[in-house]
Amino acid sequence: MAKVVSIGEVMVELSRGADGRFGQSIGGDTFNTAVYLARAGVETAYATALGDDRYSEQIRGSAQGEGIETQLMLRVPGRTAGLYLIDTDGQGERSFTYWRDSAPARELFELPGWEAVAEAIVEASLIYLSGITLSLYSNTGLGRLFATLEFARERGARIVFDGNFRPINWKGDLVRARTVYAQALKRTSIALPTFDDEVLLWGDGSPAATAERLATFGVQEIVVKNGAEGALVVNGGAAQFVPIPQPVEPVDTTAAGDSFNAAYLAARLDGQAPLPAAEAGHALAGRVIRHRGAILPRHANA
């Protein structure tokens, strides 16, 4: 099985260009991270469910082209992949509109074949998921996901969680979101939250407060991303601020956090310490936000 299994949803992406017209691509937070992990040479698989439409086939083909293992992408006949649209303002900040309520990814842990997906996840060395991943599933699906993560932890896997909180995905139900997040955090080895998201969900007053709260769940390694303000890295109880190397004028901030996470994890898997890993995260995120859309063109990835 792949060293890393990333879990979630990949969708058709429409991103508005400078001329006002939309270009079509694919993306999704944990999928974006999987792409950048694979480009860094990390053996990566993606777990999700897709339809059998041409866009679902395009997603599979794109994943394969990136070197991502696709055997954990369940195929559901007669269904279609989700769709999202990105708009960006003058500062490169993005807003999203989704059409995904009937996407099969939401049923990954309830579809025929989910047991095989769970068995493969358990075999991974590192399992990556996000708050958006959690928002997809019913209580039944969440129960099966958390049981899978528990089995994986018992076998020595590390669970990596990016809070990536989007209120619309939880229909404004903060109580349920906090309850589900708490269950994920109890099983988390490495947390990679974005401070703005933690403010929305938990009301944290500072990145340090976020790190302190996450530590109460037993999380040993924490990186609180804070945009142009850099990142706070906490490992083994010691905290250190890692600034961005230089200011970047963003074109589109989509996947800034996703790419940071990928570079950070690739460096950690390569044996680097958390601080240089965070510097690698800043470097890749800085390149990503100079381009439109979630995934850099290959020629721009170096």
Foldseek 3Di string as FASTA:
>chain_A
DFQEEEEAAKAWEWEQDPVRHTDIDMGDQSVLLQLLLLVLVGAYEYAFEAEPDPVSVVVVVVCVVSVYDYPNHHYHYPAHGKYKYWDADPQQEIDIDIDHLRGRRLCLCPDPPNVVSLVVNLPHQEYEYELNRVLSYDPVSLVSVLVSLVSSVVVNHAYEYEHPDDCVSVVNPLVVSVVSVLSSLLSHQEYEYEVVRCCVNPVDPDLVSVVVVSVVSVHAWYWYQYPQQAIWTGHNRDIDGAHQPDDARFNHQAQLSSQLVSQLVSCVVVVDDNRVSNNSSSVQSSQQRNDPDSHDDPVSRD
